[in-house]
Each structure stands twice: as C-alpha cells, then as structure tokens.
Amino acid sequence: MFLNTTRVSMCPPDGPSPIAKPRLVSCPNCGGDSVYALSNPHRPFCSERCRKMDLGAWASESFRVPAEAPPDDQEFGDPKLQ
C-alpha cells in the first residue's frame, strides 16, 4: 500500500493574494451582509443586536426540534419493555 504524498495547493496559479477579500455571509437573524472574519466579533451575525436577538430566541425556547409525541394510550420508555 502506497500513500500519495502529492500536495495540493489551494492558492490560485498566480500565487496567494496579498490582500484577501473578506468573506461575506448572510446574517442568520436579519439576512443582511455580515463579514465572516476575525475583525467581526459577532460573526456570523452582522451586529451585537442580531447576536443578542438570536440568543434570546434560544433562551425563550423559540427554536425547537420537531418531535412526534407518542399517543396518549402508549406508555413512555423503552419499547422493548412494553
């Protein structure tokens, strides 16, 4: 078994850019543009306000994972024990 030791460069053929453009992503809260870089302490949110609104939604349990509850006549617990 032989391992491939060839390195793949992720840089463009003319070399790395001296000034990288900041990556813009959509803010999860408002949908506006947000800079996804170390210069934005609220990433991936665009502002402290959007970050706090999202935290508040989680704290108030506005975000929930959908789950199907068993029928009222079925017992809870391990189905193997039923």
Protein backbone atom coordinates (compact mmCIF):
# COMPACT_ATOMS: atom_id res chain seq x y z
CA MET A 1 0.00 0.00 0.00
CA PHE A 2 1.44 3.34 -1.05
CA LEU A 3 0.39 6.74 0.23
CA ASN A 4 0.02 9.63 -2.15
CA THR A 5 2.32 12.37 -0.87
CA THR A 6 1.47 14.92 -3.58
CA ARG A 7 0.45 18.25 -2.08
CA VAL A 8 -2.50 20.13 -3.49
CA SER A 9 -2.25 23.91 -3.38
CA MET A 10 -5.44 25.86 -2.67
CA CYS A 11 -3.86 29.09 -3.98
CA PRO A 12 -4.61 30.43 -7.44
CA PRO A 13 -1.97 29.67 -10.11
CA ASP A 14 -0.50 33.17 -9.85
CA GLY A 15 0.11 32.77 -6.10
CA PRO A 16 -1.77 33.86 -2.99
CA SER A 17 -3.42 37.24 -2.98
CA PRO A 18 -1.57 39.74 -0.75
CA ILE A 19 -4.89 41.29 0.31
CA ALA A 20 -7.63 38.71 0.84
CA LYS A 21 -11.20 39.89 0.38
CA PRO A 22 -13.32 39.42 3.48
CA ARG A 23 -15.89 36.67 3.17
CA LEU A 24 -19.45 37.96 3.23
CA VAL A 25 -22.14 35.68 4.60
CA SER A 26 -25.82 36.18 5.25
CA CYS A 27 -26.67 37.11 8.85
CA PRO A 28 -28.75 34.25 10.32
CA ASN A 29 -31.04 36.73 12.07
CA CYS A 30 -31.76 39.58 9.66
CA GLY A 31 -30.40 38.20 6.39
CA GLY A 32 -28.15 41.18 5.78
CA ASP A 33 -24.49 41.00 4.79
CA SER A 34 -22.08 40.03 7.54
CA VAL A 35 -18.28 39.94 7.37
CA TYR A 36 -17.08 36.49 8.41
CA ALA A 37 -13.61 37.37 9.67
CA LEU A 38 -11.76 37.91 12.92
CA SER A 39 -12.48 41.63 12.56
CA ASN A 40 -16.19 40.93 13.27
CA PRO A 41 -16.53 39.83 16.92
CA HIS A 42 -20.21 38.95 16.36
CA ARG A 43 -19.68 36.54 13.42
CA PRO A 44 -21.71 35.02 11.84
CA PHE A 45 -24.09 37.79 12.89
CA CYS A 46 -23.82 41.29 11.47
CA SER A 47 -24.12 43.10 14.82
CA GLU A 48 -24.36 42.68 18.56
CA ARG A 49 -28.10 43.32 18.30
CA CYS A 50 -28.65 40.37 15.94
CA ARG A 51 -26.44 38.15 18.09
CA LYS A 52 -28.44 39.01 21.23
CA MET A 53 -31.79 38.56 19.46
CA ASP A 54 -30.72 35.05 18.43
CA LEU A 55 -29.54 34.24 21.96
CA GLY A 56 -32.87 35.49 23.33
CA ALA A 57 -34.78 33.26 20.91
CA TRP A 58 -32.83 30.22 22.12
CA ALA A 59 -33.30 31.25 25.78
CA SER A 60 -37.06 31.63 25.36
CA GLU A 61 -37.17 28.26 23.56
CA SER A 62 -38.50 29.78 20.33
CA PHE A 63 -36.26 27.35 18.43
CA ARG A 64 -37.38 23.77 18.90
CA VAL A 65 -36.53 20.45 17.36
CA PRO A 66 -39.71 18.92 15.94
CA ALA A 67 -40.58 15.66 17.65
CA GLU A 68 -43.55 13.37 17.49
CA ALA A 69 -45.05 12.56 20.86
CA PRO A 70 -46.38 9.04 21.37
CA PRO A 71 -50.15 8.65 21.51
CA ASP A 72 -51.75 9.14 24.93
CA ASP A 73 -52.57 5.46 25.25
CA GLN A 74 -48.94 4.39 24.67
CA GLU A 75 -46.51 4.30 27.57
CA PHE A 76 -43.24 6.20 27.57
CA GLY A 77 -39.90 4.48 27.88
CA ASP A 78 -38.07 1.66 26.22
CA PRO A 79 -40.28 -0.02 23.58
CA LYS A 80 -38.58 -3.37 24.30
CA LEU A 81 -40.10 -3.34 27.81
CA GLN A 82 -43.66 -2.82 26.55
